[in-house]
């Protein structure tokens, strides 16, 4: 299980860097599917695993003066309160229901992202055709 955990972490790191995502969702799915961890434990482990990454990210963004310290404390407060509510809710529902909620949420996000990228591609092609038509009339 140790080797699988290390490989999962590495793959998650690569995908996080490539896709610009936090990686928690990848860790949860990997822990449940490949390591046989329950949904509750997988989500908790993913949150713990994100702490070092977040700390490194904060340090780097601080050095680059990219953090808006006027907004960040309010975002953090909202995240803490939301995290407490979410953890309380998660701990009061079954593993199966939590896995279904997780799956539905990410399925909906995937459909939304696919649809948005499809529309953007369509708009870009229409703009190219319009530009070509305008160029042809000059």
Protein backbone atom coordinates (compact mmCIF):
# COMPACT_ATOMS: atom_id res chain seq x y z
CA UNK A 1 0.00 0.00 0.00
CA UNK A 2 2.95 2.34 0.64
CA UNK A 3 4.13 2.08 -2.98
CA UNK A 4 0.60 2.75 -4.26
CA UNK A 5 0.34 5.79 -1.98
CA UNK A 6 3.65 7.21 -3.24
CA UNK A 7 2.74 6.59 -6.89
CA UNK A 8 -0.70 8.12 -6.30
CA UNK A 9 0.94 11.19 -4.77
CA UNK A 10 3.32 11.53 -7.71
CA UNK A 11 0.58 11.13 -10.32
CA UNK A 12 -1.56 13.60 -8.42
CA UNK A 13 1.31 16.08 -8.34
CA UNK A 14 1.85 15.76 -12.09
CA UNK A 15 -1.86 16.14 -12.84
CA UNK A 16 -2.13 19.07 -10.43
CA UNK A 17 0.69 20.87 -12.17
CA UNK A 18 -0.59 19.98 -15.63
CA UNK A 19 -4.27 20.73 -15.07
CA UNK A 20 -4.01 23.44 -12.43
CA UNK A 21 -6.08 21.58 -9.86
CA UNK A 22 -5.56 21.07 -6.15
CA UNK A 23 -5.35 17.32 -6.40
CA UNK A 24 -7.69 16.43 -3.53
CA UNK A 25 -10.27 14.88 -5.82
CA UNK A 26 -7.62 12.75 -7.51
CA UNK A 27 -6.32 11.61 -4.12
CA UNK A 28 -9.82 10.71 -2.93
CA UNK A 29 -10.64 8.66 -6.01
CA UNK A 30 -7.25 6.95 -5.95
CA UNK A 31 -7.50 6.11 -2.25
CA UNK A 32 -10.99 4.66 -2.65
CA UNK A 33 -10.41 2.78 -5.92
CA UNK A 34 -6.77 1.65 -5.69
CA UNK A 35 -6.15 1.45 -1.95
CA UNK A 36 -9.56 0.31 -0.70
CA UNK A 37 -9.93 3.23 1.72
CA UNK A 38 -13.44 4.29 2.73
CA UNK A 39 -14.82 7.58 1.39
CA UNK A 40 -14.69 9.38 4.76
CA UNK A 41 -11.09 8.35 5.43
CA UNK A 42 -10.04 9.12 1.85
CA UNK A 43 -11.47 12.64 2.03
CA UNK A 44 -9.83 13.26 5.40
CA UNK A 45 -6.48 11.94 4.15
CA UNK A 46 -6.70 14.14 1.04
CA UNK A 47 -7.25 17.20 3.22
CA UNK A 48 -4.24 16.34 5.37
CA UNK A 49 -2.09 15.66 2.28
CA UNK A 50 -2.94 19.10 0.88
CA UNK A 51 -1.47 20.95 3.91
CA UNK A 52 2.20 20.77 2.82
CA UNK A 53 1.28 21.71 -0.75
CA UNK A 54 -0.76 24.66 0.47
CA UNK A 55 2.05 25.85 2.75
CA UNK A 56 4.59 25.72 -0.07
CA UNK A 57 2.17 27.51 -2.38
CA UNK A 58 1.49 30.23 0.19
CA UNK A 59 5.22 30.79 0.73
CA UNK A 60 5.88 31.05 -3.00
CA UNK A 61 2.93 33.38 -3.65
CA UNK A 62 3.94 35.51 -0.64
CA UNK A 63 7.48 35.83 -2.00
CA UNK A 64 6.07 36.87 -5.38
CA UNK A 65 3.72 39.37 -3.66
CA UNK A 66 0.67 37.69 -5.22
CA UNK A 67 -1.45 37.39 -2.07
CA UNK A 68 -4.10 40.02 -1.50
CA UNK A 69 -3.96 40.25 2.29
CA UNK A 70 -7.04 42.48 2.35
CA UNK A 71 -9.19 39.67 0.93
CA UNK A 72 -7.36 36.50 2.04
CA UNK A 73 -8.40 36.60 5.74
CA UNK A 74 -12.07 36.78 4.78
CA UNK A 75 -11.68 33.93 2.31
CA UNK A 76 -9.89 31.92 4.99
CA UNK A 77 -12.64 32.63 7.51
CA UNK A 78 -15.26 31.45 5.03
CA UNK A 79 -13.22 28.34 4.24
CA UNK A 80 -12.80 27.49 7.93
CA UNK A 81 -16.50 27.92 8.65
CA UNK A 82 -17.49 26.05 5.49
CA UNK A 83 -14.97 23.31 6.25
CA UNK A 84 -16.41 22.85 9.73
CA UNK A 85 -19.96 22.64 8.38
CA UNK A 86 -18.91 20.30 5.57
CA UNK A 87 -16.95 18.01 7.88
CA UNK A 88 -19.86 17.89 10.32
CA UNK A 89 -22.28 17.03 7.49
CA UNK A 90 -19.90 14.43 6.02
CA UNK A 91 -19.49 12.74 9.40
CA UNK A 92 -23.25 12.42 9.75
CA UNK A 93 -23.98 10.62 6.49
CA UNK A 94 -23.08 7.15 5.33
CA UNK A 95 -19.95 6.34 3.37
CA UNK A 96 -22.09 5.25 0.42
CA UNK A 97 -24.13 8.47 0.34
CA UNK A 98 -20.97 10.56 0.69
CA UNK A 99 -19.41 8.72 -2.26
CA UNK A 100 -22.54 9.35 -4.34
CA UNK A 101 -22.55 13.06 -3.48
CA UNK A 102 -18.83 13.25 -4.35
CA UNK A 103 -19.41 11.46 -7.66
CA UNK A 104 -22.41 13.54 -8.67
CA UNK A 105 -20.64 16.80 -7.82
CA UNK A 106 -17.57 16.00 -9.92
CA UNK A 107 -19.69 14.56 -12.74
CA UNK A 108 -21.64 17.82 -12.92
CA UNK A 109 -18.41 19.84 -12.83
CA UNK A 110 -17.01 17.70 -15.66
CA UNK A 111 -20.10 18.20 -17.82
CA UNK A 112 -20.04 21.95 -17.14
CA UNK A 113 -16.35 22.22 -18.05
CA UNK A 114 -16.82 20.15 -21.20
CA UNK A 115 -19.82 22.23 -22.28
CA UNK A 116 -18.00 25.51 -21.60
CA UNK A 117 -14.93 24.41 -23.59
CA UNK A 118 -17.18 23.24 -26.43
CA UNK A 119 -18.92 26.62 -26.56
CA UNK A 120 -15.60 28.49 -26.43
CA UNK A 121 -14.23 26.41 -29.28
CA UNK A 122 -17.36 27.05 -31.32
CA UNK A 123 -17.12 30.81 -30.68
CA UNK A 124 -13.43 30.84 -31.61
CA UNK A 125 -14.13 29.07 -34.91
CA UNK A 126 -16.98 31.50 -35.68
CA UNK A 127 -14.65 34.43 -34.96
CA UNK A 128 -12.02 32.94 -37.28
CA UNK A 129 -14.59 32.52 -40.06
CA UNK A 130 -15.80 36.10 -39.52
CA UNK A 131 -12.24 37.45 -39.64
CA UNK A 132 -11.51 35.45 -42.80
CA UNK A 133 -14.73 36.72 -44.42
CA UNK A 134 -13.87 40.32 -43.54
CA UNK A 135 -10.35 39.88 -44.88
CA UNK A 136 -11.75 38.49 -48.13
CA UNK A 137 -13.99 41.52 -48.67
CA UNK A 138 -11.15 44.02 -48.40
